[in-house]
Amino acid sequence: MCSEVPMGSKAAILVLTDERPEGLFRGAVGWDRSRSLDLAARFLGGTPRESGVLPLDLAVWPEDGAACVASFPRFDVICSRKIARDHPSNLVSEAVRLAGKRSAYAVCMESSEDWASILAWSPTGLLRAVSLSPGSGAIEDVGQKFPFEQPFWNGQRPVQTSSYRLPFHPIDLGNEALRHLFGFILEGKEDDLCVDPEEVEIPVFRPS
């Protein structure tokens, strides 16, 4: 079966945790306001102001300059367009600064450019950094592929257009990364792994 590129998937999400990330958003309620503000200040600089909340499916792509930041009991999450890097390995230093001794996982995508990237880092070092777009091909491809990536690279998620530069749509891969790493998707068919991102709220912070 040929994949069709989803329309409208945009995300720039970074999760910091000392656990495996799968399932963290299931039942993710009760973020700590003080810790969330502190994390937002560390990310944005200065003293940011809180300006409401957004459901997770909108929080993953906030307005320019804003950041959706929440500190939950088991993990922290930061969503900001500043996270979206062509070379996800360039995010490592920022992730290390924010994560401390925890691991960091990021998924970014922009459907208008058909671009997606994945980052996985642990205190032992870089685990995975991949970034793809049809215009540039494989911008970065470092580390061991995740199991959910294999069907894409093995030709099991083909593109219908023969002239397409990649063997699969990066946005399809981006949504599978969201599913398997964080337990939700923006587009596609939900399964038992998925939570409803509209039921998870993340506070919005803006620079003062």
N, C-alpha and C. Protein backbone atom coordinates (compact mmCIF):
# COMPACT_ATOMS: atom_id res chain seq x y z
N MET A 1 0.85 -1.19 0.00
CA MET A 1 0.00 0.00 0.00
C MET A 1 0.88 1.24 0.00
N CYS A 2 0.54 2.21 -0.82
CA CYS A 2 1.32 3.44 -0.89
C CYS A 2 0.85 4.42 0.17
N SER A 3 1.81 5.11 0.74
CA SER A 3 1.49 6.12 1.74
C SER A 3 1.12 7.41 1.05
N GLU A 4 0.26 8.17 1.67
CA GLU A 4 -0.06 9.51 1.19
C GLU A 4 0.42 10.49 2.22
N VAL A 5 1.07 11.56 1.76
CA VAL A 5 1.65 12.51 2.69
C VAL A 5 0.55 13.23 3.48
N PRO A 6 0.64 13.26 4.82
CA PRO A 6 -0.35 13.97 5.62
C PRO A 6 -0.25 15.48 5.38
N MET A 7 -1.33 16.17 5.59
CA MET A 7 -1.35 17.62 5.42
C MET A 7 -1.50 18.26 6.79
N GLY A 8 -0.59 19.17 7.10
CA GLY A 8 -0.77 19.96 8.29
C GLY A 8 -0.04 19.48 9.53
N SER A 9 0.81 18.48 9.43
CA SER A 9 1.55 18.02 10.60
C SER A 9 2.74 18.94 10.85
N LYS A 10 2.71 19.63 11.98
CA LYS A 10 3.80 20.51 12.36
C LYS A 10 4.10 20.26 13.83
N ALA A 11 5.36 20.06 14.14
CA ALA A 11 5.72 19.78 15.53
C ALA A 11 7.17 20.13 15.78
N ALA A 12 7.44 20.53 17.00
CA ALA A 12 8.81 20.75 17.47
C ALA A 12 8.76 20.49 18.97
N ILE A 13 8.98 19.25 19.37
CA ILE A 13 8.78 18.82 20.75
C ILE A 13 10.02 18.14 21.28
N LEU A 14 10.40 18.52 22.48
CA LEU A 14 11.55 17.97 23.18
C LEU A 14 11.08 17.44 24.53
N VAL A 15 11.37 16.18 24.82
CA VAL A 15 11.00 15.55 26.08
C VAL A 15 12.27 15.17 26.84
N LEU A 16 12.31 15.51 28.12
CA LEU A 16 13.44 15.23 28.99
C LEU A 16 12.97 14.29 30.09
N THR A 17 13.62 13.16 30.24
CA THR A 17 13.17 12.17 31.21
C THR A 17 14.30 11.22 31.58
N ASP A 18 14.20 10.60 32.75
CA ASP A 18 15.14 9.55 33.11
C ASP A 18 14.50 8.18 32.95
N GLU A 19 13.34 8.16 32.26
CA GLU A 19 12.65 6.91 31.94
C GLU A 19 12.60 6.75 30.42
N ARG A 20 12.13 5.61 29.98
CA ARG A 20 11.82 5.48 28.56
C ARG A 20 10.64 6.40 28.25
N PRO A 21 10.63 7.06 27.09
CA PRO A 21 9.60 8.06 26.85
C PRO A 21 8.22 7.49 26.52
N GLU A 22 8.16 6.24 26.07
CA GLU A 22 6.88 5.68 25.64
C GLU A 22 5.86 5.72 26.76
N GLY A 23 4.70 6.26 26.45
CA GLY A 23 3.60 6.25 27.41
C GLY A 23 3.61 7.35 28.44
N LEU A 24 4.59 8.25 28.38
CA LEU A 24 4.66 9.29 29.40
C LEU A 24 3.45 10.22 29.37
N PHE A 25 2.90 10.45 28.19
CA PHE A 25 1.77 11.38 28.08
C PHE A 25 0.44 10.75 28.47
N ARG A 26 0.44 9.44 28.67
CA ARG A 26 -0.80 8.79 29.11
C ARG A 26 -1.05 9.16 30.57
N GLY A 27 -2.11 9.88 30.82
CA GLY A 27 -2.42 10.33 32.16
C GLY A 27 -1.55 11.48 32.63
N ALA A 28 -0.96 12.20 31.67
CA ALA A 28 -0.08 13.32 32.02
C ALA A 28 -0.93 14.52 32.42
N VAL A 29 -1.18 14.66 33.69
CA VAL A 29 -1.94 15.79 34.22
C VAL A 29 -1.19 16.31 35.44
N GLY A 30 -1.54 17.51 35.85
CA GLY A 30 -0.97 18.04 37.07
C GLY A 30 0.46 18.51 36.94
N TRP A 31 0.75 19.26 35.87
CA TRP A 31 2.10 19.82 35.77
C TRP A 31 2.34 20.82 36.90
N ASP A 32 3.59 20.87 37.32
CA ASP A 32 3.99 21.74 38.42
C ASP A 32 4.23 23.15 37.89
N ARG A 33 3.44 24.10 38.37
CA ARG A 33 3.51 25.46 37.83
C ARG A 33 4.86 26.12 38.08
N SER A 34 5.39 25.98 39.29
CA SER A 34 6.66 26.62 39.63
C SER A 34 7.81 26.04 38.81
N ARG A 35 7.87 24.72 38.73
CA ARG A 35 8.93 24.07 37.96
C ARG A 35 8.79 24.34 36.48
N SER A 36 7.57 24.43 36.00
CA SER A 36 7.34 24.74 34.59
C SER A 36 7.83 26.14 34.26
N LEU A 37 7.55 27.09 35.13
CA LEU A 37 8.01 28.46 34.94
C LEU A 37 9.53 28.53 34.95
N ASP A 38 10.14 27.80 35.88
CA ASP A 38 11.60 27.78 35.96
C ASP A 38 12.21 27.20 34.69
N LEU A 39 11.62 26.12 34.17
CA LEU A 39 12.13 25.51 32.94
C LEU A 39 11.94 26.44 31.76
N ALA A 40 10.80 27.12 31.71
CA ALA A 40 10.55 28.08 30.63
C ALA A 40 11.56 29.22 30.69
N ALA A 41 11.91 29.66 31.89
CA ALA A 41 12.90 30.73 32.04
C ALA A 41 14.28 30.26 31.57
N ARG A 42 14.63 29.03 31.88
CA ARG A 42 15.91 28.50 31.44
C ARG A 42 15.96 28.36 29.92
N PHE A 43 14.82 28.06 29.32
CA PHE A 43 14.78 27.88 27.87
C PHE A 43 14.69 29.21 27.13
N LEU A 44 13.79 30.09 27.58
CA LEU A 44 13.54 31.35 26.89
C LEU A 44 14.47 32.48 27.36
N GLY A 45 14.97 32.36 28.59
CA GLY A 45 15.75 33.44 29.17
C GLY A 45 14.84 34.47 29.83
N GLY A 46 15.37 35.25 30.74
CA GLY A 46 14.58 36.28 31.40
C GLY A 46 13.53 35.70 32.31
N THR A 47 12.44 36.43 32.45
CA THR A 47 11.31 35.99 33.26
C THR A 47 10.08 35.91 32.38
N PRO A 48 9.82 34.75 31.80
CA PRO A 48 8.68 34.62 30.89
C PRO A 48 7.35 34.74 31.63
N ARG A 49 6.33 35.08 30.90
CA ARG A 49 4.99 35.16 31.48
C ARG A 49 4.12 34.05 30.91
N GLU A 50 3.32 33.47 31.76
CA GLU A 50 2.39 32.43 31.33
C GLU A 50 1.19 33.08 30.66
N SER A 51 0.77 32.53 29.54
CA SER A 51 -0.37 33.12 28.81
C SER A 51 -1.32 32.04 28.33
N GLY A 52 -1.91 31.33 29.29
CA GLY A 52 -2.90 30.34 28.95
C GLY A 52 -2.32 28.96 28.75
N VAL A 53 -3.16 28.07 28.24
CA VAL A 53 -2.75 26.70 27.96
C VAL A 53 -3.22 26.30 26.57
N LEU A 54 -2.57 25.28 26.01
CA LEU A 54 -2.97 24.72 24.72
C LEU A 54 -3.04 23.21 24.83
N PRO A 55 -3.96 22.58 24.10
CA PRO A 55 -3.92 21.12 24.04
C PRO A 55 -2.65 20.68 23.31
N LEU A 56 -2.20 19.49 23.61
CA LEU A 56 -0.92 19.02 23.10
C LEU A 56 -0.82 19.08 21.59
N ASP A 57 -1.90 18.79 20.87
CA ASP A 57 -1.81 18.79 19.41
C ASP A 57 -1.55 20.18 18.84
N LEU A 58 -1.88 21.24 19.58
CA LEU A 58 -1.56 22.60 19.17
C LEU A 58 -0.28 23.09 19.84
N ALA A 59 -0.03 22.61 21.05
CA ALA A 59 1.15 23.04 21.80
C ALA A 59 2.44 22.65 21.12
N VAL A 60 2.43 21.57 20.33
CA VAL A 60 3.67 21.10 19.71
C VAL A 60 4.20 22.06 18.65
N TRP A 61 3.39 23.05 18.24
CA TRP A 61 3.84 24.03 17.25
C TRP A 61 3.32 25.41 17.66
N PRO A 62 3.86 25.97 18.73
CA PRO A 62 3.37 27.27 19.19
C PRO A 62 3.81 28.40 18.26
N GLU A 63 3.31 29.59 18.52
CA GLU A 63 3.68 30.75 17.72
C GLU A 63 5.17 31.04 17.86
N ASP A 64 5.71 31.72 16.86
CA ASP A 64 7.11 32.15 16.93
C ASP A 64 7.35 32.93 18.21
N GLY A 65 8.42 32.62 18.89
CA GLY A 65 8.78 33.33 20.11
C GLY A 65 8.19 32.75 21.37
N ALA A 66 7.09 32.02 21.25
CA ALA A 66 6.45 31.40 22.41
C ALA A 66 7.00 30.00 22.61
N ALA A 67 6.79 29.46 23.80
CA ALA A 67 7.17 28.08 24.10
C ALA A 67 6.10 27.47 24.99
N CYS A 68 5.73 26.24 24.68
CA CYS A 68 4.81 25.49 25.54
C CYS A 68 5.67 24.56 26.39
N VAL A 69 5.63 24.78 27.69
CA VAL A 69 6.56 24.11 28.61
C VAL A 69 5.78 23.57 29.80
N ALA A 70 6.03 22.31 30.14
CA ALA A 70 5.37 21.72 31.31
C ALA A 70 6.33 20.77 32.00
N SER A 71 6.34 20.83 33.31
CA SER A 71 7.12 19.92 34.12
C SER A 71 6.15 18.97 34.84
N PHE A 72 6.08 17.75 34.35
CA PHE A 72 5.24 16.73 34.96
C PHE A 72 6.08 15.91 35.95
N PRO A 73 5.45 15.09 36.78
CA PRO A 73 6.22 14.34 37.77
C PRO A 73 7.32 13.46 37.18
N ARG A 74 7.08 12.88 35.98
CA ARG A 74 8.03 11.93 35.42
C ARG A 74 8.85 12.48 34.26
N PHE A 75 8.50 13.67 33.79
CA PHE A 75 9.21 14.19 32.62
C PHE A 75 8.92 15.68 32.44
N ASP A 76 9.77 16.31 31.65
CA ASP A 76 9.56 17.69 31.23
C ASP A 76 9.34 17.70 29.73
N VAL A 77 8.54 18.64 29.26
CA VAL A 77 8.33 18.79 27.82
C VAL A 77 8.46 20.25 27.44
N ILE A 78 9.15 20.48 26.33
CA ILE A 78 9.31 21.82 25.78
C ILE A 78 8.93 21.76 24.30
N CYS A 79 8.04 22.64 23.89
CA CYS A 79 7.66 22.74 22.48
C CYS A 79 7.96 24.17 22.02
N SER A 80 8.73 24.28 20.98
CA SER A 80 9.11 25.60 20.47
C SER A 80 9.68 25.42 19.07
N ARG A 81 9.40 26.38 18.20
CA ARG A 81 9.96 26.32 16.86
C ARG A 81 11.48 26.44 16.87
N LYS A 82 12.05 26.94 17.97
CA LYS A 82 13.50 27.02 18.10
C LYS A 82 14.14 25.64 18.15
N ILE A 83 13.35 24.64 18.48
CA ILE A 83 13.86 23.28 18.56
C ILE A 83 14.05 22.67 17.18
N ALA A 84 13.30 23.15 16.21
CA ALA A 84 13.33 22.57 14.86
C ALA A 84 14.64 22.92 14.17
N ARG A 85 15.55 21.97 14.10
CA ARG A 85 16.87 22.16 13.49
C ARG A 85 17.02 21.22 12.31
N ASP A 86 17.59 21.73 11.20
CA ASP A 86 17.86 20.87 10.06
C ASP A 86 18.77 19.71 10.46
N HIS A 87 19.77 20.01 11.29
CA HIS A 87 20.65 18.98 11.84
C HIS A 87 20.29 18.80 13.32
N PRO A 88 19.50 17.78 13.64
CA PRO A 88 19.06 17.63 15.04
C PRO A 88 20.21 17.47 16.02
N SER A 89 21.36 16.99 15.56
CA SER A 89 22.51 16.86 16.46
C SER A 89 22.94 18.22 17.00
N ASN A 90 22.58 19.30 16.29
CA ASN A 90 22.91 20.64 16.78
C ASN A 90 22.09 21.04 17.99
N LEU A 91 21.07 20.24 18.31
CA LEU A 91 20.23 20.50 19.47
C LEU A 91 20.82 19.87 20.74
N VAL A 92 21.82 19.03 20.58
CA VAL A 92 22.33 18.25 21.71
C VAL A 92 22.81 19.14 22.86
N SER A 93 23.58 20.18 22.55
CA SER A 93 24.11 21.01 23.63
C SER A 93 23.00 21.67 24.43
N GLU A 94 21.94 22.11 23.75
CA GLU A 94 20.80 22.70 24.44
C GLU A 94 20.06 21.63 25.25
N ALA A 95 19.91 20.45 24.66
CA ALA A 95 19.23 19.36 25.37
C ALA A 95 20.00 18.97 26.62
N VAL A 96 21.32 18.90 26.51
CA VAL A 96 22.15 18.54 27.66
C VAL A 96 22.02 19.59 28.76
N ARG A 97 22.01 20.85 28.36
CA ARG A 97 21.89 21.94 29.33
C ARG A 97 20.58 21.83 30.10
N LEU A 98 19.52 21.48 29.43
CA LEU A 98 18.20 21.42 30.06
C LEU A 98 17.94 20.09 30.76
N ALA A 99 18.50 19.02 30.21
CA ALA A 99 18.18 17.68 30.72
C ALA A 99 19.01 17.29 31.92
N GLY A 100 20.21 17.84 32.06
CA GLY A 100 21.08 17.40 33.13
C GLY A 100 21.50 15.96 32.92
N LYS A 101 21.19 15.09 33.88
CA LYS A 101 21.56 13.68 33.78
C LYS A 101 20.46 12.82 33.15
N ARG A 102 19.43 13.48 32.65
CA ARG A 102 18.34 12.73 32.02
C ARG A 102 18.58 12.57 30.52
N SER A 103 17.75 11.75 29.89
CA SER A 103 17.81 11.59 28.44
C SER A 103 16.92 12.62 27.77
N ALA A 104 17.15 12.83 26.48
CA ALA A 104 16.38 13.82 25.71
C ALA A 104 15.95 13.21 24.39
N TYR A 105 14.69 13.46 24.04
CA TYR A 105 14.12 12.96 22.79
C TYR A 105 13.38 14.10 22.11
N ALA A 106 13.60 14.26 20.82
CA ALA A 106 12.93 15.34 20.09
C ALA A 106 12.38 14.81 18.77
N VAL A 107 11.21 15.29 18.40
CA VAL A 107 10.62 15.02 17.09
C VAL A 107 10.16 16.35 16.53
N CYS A 108 10.60 16.64 15.33
CA CYS A 108 10.21 17.88 14.66
C CYS A 108 9.75 17.56 13.25
N MET A 109 8.79 18.33 12.75
CA MET A 109 8.34 18.17 11.36
C MET A 109 7.62 19.42 10.91
N GLU A 110 7.68 19.63 9.62
CA GLU A 110 7.01 20.79 8.99
C GLU A 110 6.44 20.30 7.67
N SER A 111 5.11 20.16 7.62
CA SER A 111 4.47 19.53 6.47
C SER A 111 4.60 20.35 5.19
N SER A 112 4.68 21.68 5.30
CA SER A 112 4.79 22.49 4.10
C SER A 112 6.09 22.25 3.36
N GLU A 113 7.10 21.77 4.10
CA GLU A 113 8.39 21.43 3.49
C GLU A 113 8.60 19.93 3.39
N ASP A 114 7.65 19.16 3.90
CA ASP A 114 7.75 17.71 3.93
C ASP A 114 9.06 17.28 4.60
N TRP A 115 9.36 17.93 5.72
CA TRP A 115 10.61 17.69 6.44
C TRP A 115 10.31 17.15 7.83
N ALA A 116 11.16 16.24 8.30
CA ALA A 116 11.03 15.71 9.66
C ALA A 116 12.40 15.36 10.20
N SER A 117 12.52 15.42 11.53
CA SER A 117 13.77 15.03 12.17
C SER A 117 13.47 14.35 13.50
N ILE A 118 14.41 13.52 13.94
CA ILE A 118 14.31 12.80 15.20
C ILE A 118 15.66 12.90 15.91
N LEU A 119 15.60 13.12 17.21
CA LEU A 119 16.81 13.14 18.02
C LEU A 119 16.60 12.27 19.26
N ALA A 120 17.59 11.47 19.59
CA ALA A 120 17.59 10.73 20.84
C ALA A 120 18.99 10.82 21.43
N TRP A 121 19.05 11.29 22.67
CA TRP A 121 20.33 11.45 23.35
C TRP A 121 20.19 10.93 24.77
N SER A 122 21.21 10.25 25.24
CA SER A 122 21.25 9.79 26.63
C SER A 122 22.55 10.27 27.24
N PRO A 123 22.70 10.20 28.57
CA PRO A 123 23.94 10.63 29.19
C PRO A 123 25.18 9.88 28.68
N THR A 124 24.96 8.74 28.01
CA THR A 124 26.09 8.01 27.42
C THR A 124 26.49 8.57 26.06
N GLY A 125 25.65 9.43 25.49
CA GLY A 125 25.98 10.03 24.20
C GLY A 125 24.82 10.05 23.24
N LEU A 126 25.09 10.46 22.00
CA LEU A 126 24.08 10.56 20.96
C LEU A 126 23.66 9.17 20.50
N LEU A 127 22.35 8.91 20.53
CA LEU A 127 21.82 7.62 20.11
C LEU A 127 21.32 7.66 18.67
N ARG A 128 20.62 8.74 18.32
CA ARG A 128 20.03 8.82 16.98
C ARG A 128 19.82 10.27 16.61
N ALA A 129 20.17 10.61 15.37
CA ALA A 129 19.88 11.93 14.81
C ALA A 129 19.63 11.73 13.32
N VAL A 130 18.40 11.97 12.91
CA VAL A 130 18.05 11.80 11.50
C VAL A 130 17.18 12.97 11.07
N SER A 131 17.42 13.46 9.87
CA SER A 131 16.69 14.60 9.33
C SER A 131 16.56 14.40 7.83
N LEU A 132 15.32 14.55 7.32
CA LEU A 132 15.04 14.22 5.93
C LEU A 132 14.08 15.21 5.30
N SER A 133 14.32 15.53 4.04
CA SER A 133 13.37 16.29 3.23
C SER A 133 13.59 15.91 1.78
N PRO A 134 12.55 15.99 0.94
CA PRO A 134 12.73 15.63 -0.47
C PRO A 134 13.67 16.58 -1.20
N GLY A 135 13.75 17.82 -0.75
CA GLY A 135 14.64 18.77 -1.41
C GLY A 135 16.10 18.53 -1.12
N SER A 136 16.39 18.07 0.10
CA SER A 136 17.78 17.89 0.51
C SER A 136 18.17 16.44 0.73
N GLY A 137 17.21 15.52 0.66
CA GLY A 137 17.51 14.13 0.92
C GLY A 137 17.75 13.90 2.39
N ALA A 138 18.70 13.03 2.70
CA ALA A 138 19.06 12.75 4.08
C ALA A 138 20.05 13.81 4.55
N ILE A 139 19.53 14.79 5.29
CA ILE A 139 20.37 15.88 5.78
C ILE A 139 21.30 15.37 6.86
N GLU A 140 20.80 14.49 7.69
CA GLU A 140 21.61 13.87 8.73
C GLU A 140 21.06 12.47 8.99
N ASP A 141 21.95 11.52 9.23
CA ASP A 141 21.54 10.14 9.50
C ASP A 141 22.64 9.49 10.33
N VAL A 142 22.52 9.64 11.65
CA VAL A 142 23.55 9.20 12.57
C VAL A 142 22.95 8.27 13.61
N GLY A 143 23.66 7.20 13.95
CA GLY A 143 23.22 6.32 15.02
C GLY A 143 22.35 5.18 14.51
N GLN A 144 21.97 4.33 15.45
CA GLN A 144 21.18 3.14 15.11
C GLN A 144 19.72 3.51 14.92
N LYS A 145 19.14 3.02 13.84
CA LYS A 145 17.75 3.30 13.53
C LYS A 145 16.83 2.67 14.58
N PHE A 146 15.76 3.38 14.91
CA PHE A 146 14.74 2.82 15.78
C PHE A 146 13.98 1.72 15.04
N PRO A 147 13.44 0.73 15.75
CA PRO A 147 12.66 -0.31 15.09
C PRO A 147 11.52 0.24 14.24
N PHE A 148 10.86 1.30 14.70
CA PHE A 148 9.73 1.84 13.93
C PHE A 148 10.19 2.48 12.62
N GLU A 149 11.47 2.78 12.49
CA GLU A 149 12.00 3.33 11.24
C GLU A 149 12.17 2.27 10.15
N GLN A 150 12.40 1.03 10.56
CA GLN A 150 12.81 0.00 9.60
C GLN A 150 11.83 -0.19 8.44
N PRO A 151 10.50 -0.22 8.66
CA PRO A 151 9.60 -0.36 7.51
C PRO A 151 9.75 0.75 6.48
N PHE A 152 10.12 1.94 6.91
CA PHE A 152 10.31 3.04 5.97
C PHE A 152 11.56 2.80 5.13
N TRP A 153 12.67 2.53 5.79
CA TRP A 153 13.93 2.32 5.06
C TRP A 153 13.93 1.03 4.24
N ASN A 154 13.11 0.06 4.64
CA ASN A 154 13.06 -1.21 3.92
C ASN A 154 12.09 -1.20 2.76
N GLY A 155 11.47 -0.05 2.48
CA GLY A 155 10.57 0.05 1.33
C GLY A 155 9.15 -0.39 1.59
N GLN A 156 8.76 -0.55 2.84
CA GLN A 156 7.41 -0.98 3.15
C GLN A 156 6.42 0.17 3.29
N ARG A 157 6.92 1.41 3.21
CA ARG A 157 6.04 2.60 3.24
C ARG A 157 6.35 3.47 2.02
N PRO A 158 6.14 2.92 0.82
CA PRO A 158 6.60 3.61 -0.41
C PRO A 158 5.80 4.86 -0.74
N VAL A 159 6.41 5.68 -1.56
CA VAL A 159 5.79 6.90 -2.05
C VAL A 159 5.18 6.62 -3.41
N GLN A 160 4.02 7.19 -3.67
CA GLN A 160 3.31 6.92 -4.90
C GLN A 160 3.97 7.57 -6.11
N THR A 161 4.60 8.73 -5.89
CA THR A 161 5.22 9.47 -6.99
C THR A 161 6.63 8.95 -7.24
N SER A 162 6.89 8.48 -8.46
CA SER A 162 8.18 7.86 -8.78
C SER A 162 9.33 8.86 -8.76
N SER A 163 9.03 10.14 -8.96
CA SER A 163 10.09 11.15 -9.02
C SER A 163 10.48 11.67 -7.62
N TYR A 164 9.79 11.19 -6.60
CA TYR A 164 10.08 11.65 -5.24
C TYR A 164 11.49 11.22 -4.85
N ARG A 165 12.23 12.11 -4.22
CA ARG A 165 13.65 11.86 -3.97
C ARG A 165 13.90 10.85 -2.86
N LEU A 166 12.94 10.67 -1.98
CA LEU A 166 13.09 9.75 -0.86
C LEU A 166 12.17 8.54 -1.03
N PRO A 167 12.51 7.42 -0.40
CA PRO A 167 11.66 6.22 -0.52
C PRO A 167 10.38 6.27 0.32
N PHE A 168 10.22 7.32 1.13
CA PHE A 168 9.03 7.48 1.96
C PHE A 168 8.86 8.95 2.29
N HIS A 169 7.68 9.30 2.78
CA HIS A 169 7.43 10.69 3.17
C HIS A 169 7.96 10.93 4.58
N PRO A 170 8.80 11.93 4.79
CA PRO A 170 9.30 12.23 6.12
C PRO A 170 8.19 12.51 7.14
N ILE A 171 7.09 13.10 6.70
CA ILE A 171 6.00 13.39 7.63
C ILE A 171 5.38 12.11 8.17
N ASP A 172 5.30 11.08 7.32
CA ASP A 172 4.82 9.78 7.81
C ASP A 172 5.76 9.26 8.89
N LEU A 173 7.06 9.38 8.65
CA LEU A 173 8.03 8.94 9.65
C LEU A 173 7.91 9.78 10.92
N GLY A 174 7.71 11.07 10.78
CA GLY A 174 7.57 11.94 11.94
C GLY A 174 6.40 11.55 12.82
N ASN A 175 5.28 11.22 12.20
CA ASN A 175 4.11 10.81 12.99
C ASN A 175 4.34 9.46 13.67
N GLU A 176 5.05 8.56 13.00
CA GLU A 176 5.37 7.29 13.65
C GLU A 176 6.34 7.50 14.81
N ALA A 177 7.24 8.46 14.67
CA ALA A 177 8.14 8.78 15.78
C ALA A 177 7.34 9.32 16.97
N LEU A 178 6.38 10.18 16.72
CA LEU A 178 5.52 10.67 17.80
C LEU A 178 4.77 9.51 18.46
N ARG A 179 4.27 8.60 17.64
CA ARG A 179 3.50 7.47 18.16
C ARG A 179 4.36 6.59 19.08
N HIS A 180 5.53 6.21 18.59
CA HIS A 180 6.34 5.22 19.30
C HIS A 180 7.17 5.83 20.41
N LEU A 181 7.56 7.08 20.28
CA LEU A 181 8.34 7.72 21.33
C LEU A 181 7.47 8.36 22.40
N PHE A 182 6.37 9.01 21.97
CA PHE A 182 5.59 9.81 22.92
C PHE A 182 4.15 9.35 23.10
N GLY A 183 3.68 8.45 22.24
CA GLY A 183 2.34 7.91 22.45
C GLY A 183 1.20 8.75 21.93
N PHE A 184 1.44 9.57 20.92
CA PHE A 184 0.34 10.29 20.27
C PHE A 184 0.76 10.58 18.83
N ILE A 185 -0.21 10.90 18.00
CA ILE A 185 0.07 11.29 16.62
C ILE A 185 -0.72 12.55 16.29
N LEU A 186 -0.30 13.23 15.25
CA LEU A 186 -1.04 14.39 14.75
C LEU A 186 -1.95 14.00 13.61
N GLU A 187 -1.48 13.08 12.76
CA GLU A 187 -2.29 12.58 11.65
C GLU A 187 -1.98 11.12 11.46
N GLY A 188 -2.98 10.39 10.94
CA GLY A 188 -2.82 8.97 10.74
C GLY A 188 -3.83 8.20 11.57
N LYS A 189 -3.69 6.91 11.60
CA LYS A 189 -4.64 6.04 12.30
C LYS A 189 -4.13 5.78 13.71
N GLU A 190 -4.92 6.14 14.68
CA GLU A 190 -4.55 5.89 16.08
C GLU A 190 -4.65 4.40 16.39
N ASP A 191 -3.83 3.97 17.34
CA ASP A 191 -3.89 2.59 17.81
C ASP A 191 -3.83 2.59 19.33
N ASP A 192 -3.57 1.42 19.92
CA ASP A 192 -3.58 1.30 21.38
C ASP A 192 -2.44 2.07 22.02
N LEU A 193 -1.42 2.44 21.25
CA LEU A 193 -0.32 3.21 21.79
C LEU A 193 -0.69 4.67 22.03
N CYS A 194 -1.75 5.11 21.36
CA CYS A 194 -2.03 6.54 21.28
C CYS A 194 -2.95 7.05 22.38
N VAL A 195 -2.61 8.22 22.87
CA VAL A 195 -3.52 8.99 23.72
C VAL A 195 -4.09 10.12 22.86
N ASP A 196 -5.18 10.69 23.32
CA ASP A 196 -5.78 11.81 22.60
C ASP A 196 -5.02 13.08 22.99
N PRO A 197 -4.27 13.69 22.05
CA PRO A 197 -3.49 14.87 22.42
C PRO A 197 -4.34 16.07 22.81
N GLU A 198 -5.63 16.04 22.46
CA GLU A 198 -6.50 17.14 22.86
C GLU A 198 -6.81 17.10 24.36
N GLU A 199 -6.51 15.98 25.01
CA GLU A 199 -6.83 15.84 26.43
C GLU A 199 -5.65 16.18 27.32
N VAL A 200 -4.50 16.49 26.73
CA VAL A 200 -3.31 16.87 27.50
C VAL A 200 -3.06 18.36 27.30
N GLU A 201 -3.02 19.13 28.38
CA GLU A 201 -2.84 20.57 28.28
C GLU A 201 -1.43 20.96 28.70
N ILE A 202 -0.87 21.91 27.94
CA ILE A 202 0.48 22.41 28.19
C ILE A 202 0.41 23.93 28.32
N PRO A 203 0.99 24.52 29.35
CA PRO A 203 0.96 25.98 29.48
C PRO A 203 1.86 26.67 28.45
N VAL A 204 1.44 27.84 28.05
CA VAL A 204 2.16 28.65 27.06
C VAL A 204 2.92 29.75 27.79
N PHE A 205 4.17 29.92 27.41
CA PHE A 205 5.00 30.99 27.99
C PHE A 205 5.53 31.88 26.88
N ARG A 206 5.59 33.16 27.18
CA ARG A 206 6.13 34.14 26.24
C ARG A 206 7.18 34.99 26.94
N PRO A 207 8.17 35.47 26.22
CA PRO A 207 9.15 36.34 26.84
C PRO A 207 8.50 37.59 27.39
N SER A 208 9.01 38.10 28.47
CA SER A 208 8.46 39.33 29.08
C SER A 208 8.74 40.54 28.18
